[in-house]
C-alpha atoms as a PDB file:
ATOM      1  CA  GLN A   1      -4.426 236.426 253.865  1.00  0.00           C
ATOM      2  CA  LYS A   2      -1.143 234.587 254.058  1.00  0.00           C
ATOM      3  CA  ARG A   3       0.096 231.646 252.022  1.00  0.00           C
ATOM      4  CA  THR A   4       3.005 229.247 252.518  1.00  0.00           C
ATOM      5  CA  LEU A   5       5.763 229.650 249.974  1.00  0.00           C
ATOM      6  CA  LYS A   6       5.454 227.137 247.125  1.00  0.00           C
ATOM      7  CA  VAL A   7       9.043 225.940 247.511  1.00  0.00           C
ATOM      8  CA  ALA A   8       8.276 224.878 251.105  1.00  0.00           C
ATOM      9  CA  TYR A   9       5.073 223.021 250.229  1.00  0.00           C
ATOM     10  CA  PRO A  10       5.428 221.523 246.719  1.00  0.00           C
ATOM     11  CA  TYR A  11       2.502 219.988 244.863  1.00  0.00           C
ATOM     12  CA  GLN A  12       2.124 216.229 245.377  1.00  0.00           C
ATOM     13  CA  ASP A  13      -0.333 214.252 243.268  1.00  0.00           C
ATOM     14  CA  PHE A  14      -1.917 211.762 245.671  1.00  0.00           C
ATOM     15  CA  ASP A  15      -4.805 211.463 248.100  1.00  0.00           C
ATOM     16  CA  GLY A  16      -3.826 212.354 251.635  1.00  0.00           C
ATOM     17  CA  HIS A  17      -3.889 215.039 254.280  1.00  0.00           C
ATOM     18  CA  CYS A  18      -2.307 218.474 254.639  1.00  0.00           C
ATOM     19  CA  ASN A  19       0.994 218.618 256.486  1.00  0.00           C
ATOM     20  CA  TYR A  20      -0.056 220.867 259.353  1.00  0.00           C
ATOM     21  CA  GLN A  21       3.492 220.899 260.764  1.00  0.00           C
ATOM     22  CA  LYS A  22       4.452 223.186 257.874  1.00  0.00           C
ATOM     23  CA  ARG A  23       2.094 225.915 259.135  1.00  0.00           C
ATOM     24  CA  THR A  24       5.003 227.575 260.942  1.00  0.00           C
ATOM     25  CA  LEU A  25       7.041 228.121 257.762  1.00  0.00           C
ATOM     26  CA  LYS A  26       7.703 231.544 256.268  1.00  0.00           C
ATOM     27  CA  VAL A  27       4.630 232.978 254.538  1.00  0.00           C
ATOM     28  CA  VAL A  28       3.909 235.775 252.103  1.00  0.00           C
ATOM     29  CA  THR A  29       0.768 237.818 251.730  1.00  0.00           C
ATOM     30  CA  LEU A  30      -1.067 237.814 248.424  1.00  0.00           C
ATOM     31  CA  GLU A  31      -0.288 241.508 248.111  1.00  0.00           C
ATOM     32  CA  GLN A  32       3.431 240.662 248.148  1.00  0.00           C
ATOM     33  CA  ALA A  33       3.098 238.185 245.277  1.00  0.00           C
ATOM     34  CA  PRO A  34       4.408 239.687 242.034  1.00  0.00           C
ATOM     35  CA  GLY A  35       1.652 240.207 239.472  1.00  0.00           C
ATOM     36  CA  TYR A  36      -1.138 239.336 241.899  1.00  0.00           C
ATOM     37  CA  ALA A  37      -4.549 240.591 240.768  1.00  0.00           C
ATOM     38  CA  MET A  38      -8.192 239.735 241.383  1.00  0.00           C
ATOM     39  CA  VAL A  39     -10.339 238.682 238.424  1.00  0.00           C
ATOM     40  CA  PRO A  40     -13.952 239.839 238.763  1.00  0.00           C
ATOM     41  CA  PRO A  41     -16.428 236.982 239.344  1.00  0.00           C
ATOM     42  CA  ALA A  42     -18.412 235.747 236.322  1.00  0.00           C
ATOM     43  CA  ASP A  43     -16.304 237.731 233.835  1.00  0.00           C
ATOM     44  CA  PRO A  44     -15.109 235.317 231.126  1.00  0.00           C
ATOM     45  CA  GLN A  45     -13.178 238.006 229.220  1.00  0.00           C
ATOM     46  CA  ALA A  46     -11.247 239.033 232.331  1.00  0.00           C
ATOM     47  CA  MET A  47     -10.463 235.369 233.060  1.00  0.00           C
ATOM     48  CA  LEU A  48      -9.202 234.826 229.502  1.00  0.00           C
ATOM     49  CA  ALA A  49      -6.985 237.908 229.809  1.00  0.00           C
ATOM     50  CA  ALA A  50      -5.577 236.660 233.130  1.00  0.00           C
ATOM     51  CA  ILE A  51      -4.934 233.138 231.817  1.00  0.00           C
ATOM     52  CA  ALA A  52      -3.092 234.564 228.814  1.00  0.00           C
ATOM     53  CA  THR A  53      -0.543 236.347 231.010  1.00  0.00           C
ATOM     54  CA  GLN A  54      -0.097 234.347 234.225  1.00  0.00           C
ATOM     55  CA  PRO A  55      -1.109 231.262 236.187  1.00  0.00           C
ATOM     56  CA  VAL A  56      -4.484 231.581 237.887  1.00  0.00           C
ATOM     57  CA  SER A  57      -6.243 229.963 240.801  1.00  0.00           C
ATOM     58  CA  ILE A  58      -9.963 229.928 241.464  1.00  0.00           C
ATOM     59  CA  GLY A  59     -12.303 229.396 244.380  1.00  0.00           C
ATOM     60  CA  ILE A  60     -15.385 227.238 244.026  1.00  0.00           C
ATOM     61  CA  ASP A  61     -18.226 225.927 246.159  1.00  0.00           C
ATOM     62  CA  ALA A  62     -17.326 222.235 246.283  1.00  0.00           C
ATOM     63  CA  SER A  63     -20.389 221.133 248.267  1.00  0.00           C
ATOM     64  CA  GLY A  64     -22.704 220.630 245.271  1.00  0.00           C
ATOM     65  CA  ASP A  65     -23.584 217.239 243.814  1.00  0.00           C
ATOM     66  CA  ASP A  66     -21.893 218.120 240.506  1.00  0.00           C
ATOM     67  CA  PHE A  67     -18.555 218.621 242.216  1.00  0.00           C
ATOM     68  CA  GLN A  68     -18.921 215.790 244.707  1.00  0.00           C
ATOM     69  CA  THR A  69     -19.409 213.261 241.880  1.00  0.00           C
ATOM     70  CA  TYR A  70     -16.762 214.765 239.549  1.00  0.00           C
ATOM     71  CA  ASP A  71     -14.075 212.230 238.638  1.00  0.00           C
ATOM     72  CA  GLY A  72     -11.946 213.829 235.913  1.00  0.00           C
ATOM     73  CA  GLY A  73     -11.781 215.790 232.688  1.00  0.00           C
ATOM     74  CA  VAL A  74     -13.215 219.258 232.100  1.00  0.00           C
ATOM     75  CA  PHE A  75     -15.681 220.126 234.861  1.00  0.00           C
ATOM     76  CA  ILE A  76     -18.954 221.446 233.394  1.00  0.00           C
ATOM     77  CA  GLY A  77     -21.127 221.471 236.521  1.00  0.00           C
ATOM     78  CA  SER A  78     -22.083 224.277 238.853  1.00  0.00           C
ATOM     79  CA  CYS A  79     -19.334 225.947 240.912  1.00  0.00           C
ATOM     80  CA  GLY A  80     -21.661 228.096 243.024  1.00  0.00           C
ATOM     81  CA  ASP A  81     -22.208 231.813 242.669  1.00  0.00           C
ATOM     82  CA  ARG A  82     -21.919 233.249 246.176  1.00  0.00           C
ATOM     83  CA  LEU A  83     -18.490 234.365 247.403  1.00  0.00           C
ATOM     84  CA  GLU A  84     -19.343 233.422 250.984  1.00  0.00           C
ATOM     85  CA  ASP A  85     -19.890 229.758 249.895  1.00  0.00           C
ATOM     86  CA  LEU A  86     -16.435 229.278 248.353  1.00  0.00           C
ATOM     87  CA  ASP A  87     -14.673 226.428 250.130  1.00  0.00           C
ATOM     88  CA  HIS A  88     -12.222 224.905 247.660  1.00  0.00           C
ATOM     89  CA  GLY A  89      -9.219 226.338 245.829  1.00  0.00           C
ATOM     90  CA  VAL A  90      -8.089 225.115 242.414  1.00  0.00           C
END
């Protein structure tokens, strides 16, 4: 998988659409990212260890009612449990 460099696509806090014109920018593979590692699914201890040492991102199944009606705070609903259903990155 390839990702756009963060400096070329900074975080913006507003509702909107992706800037598809930036798809042609320089990309890096996850394997090239320093410190990149996979955390095993459903392993709270591994997640705690990862959070303690680096930023993390997660994939969730955002199609469920819990997620669709979420409007802020700590999410306590279901995030799905099948890797093939993941459709949202956080």
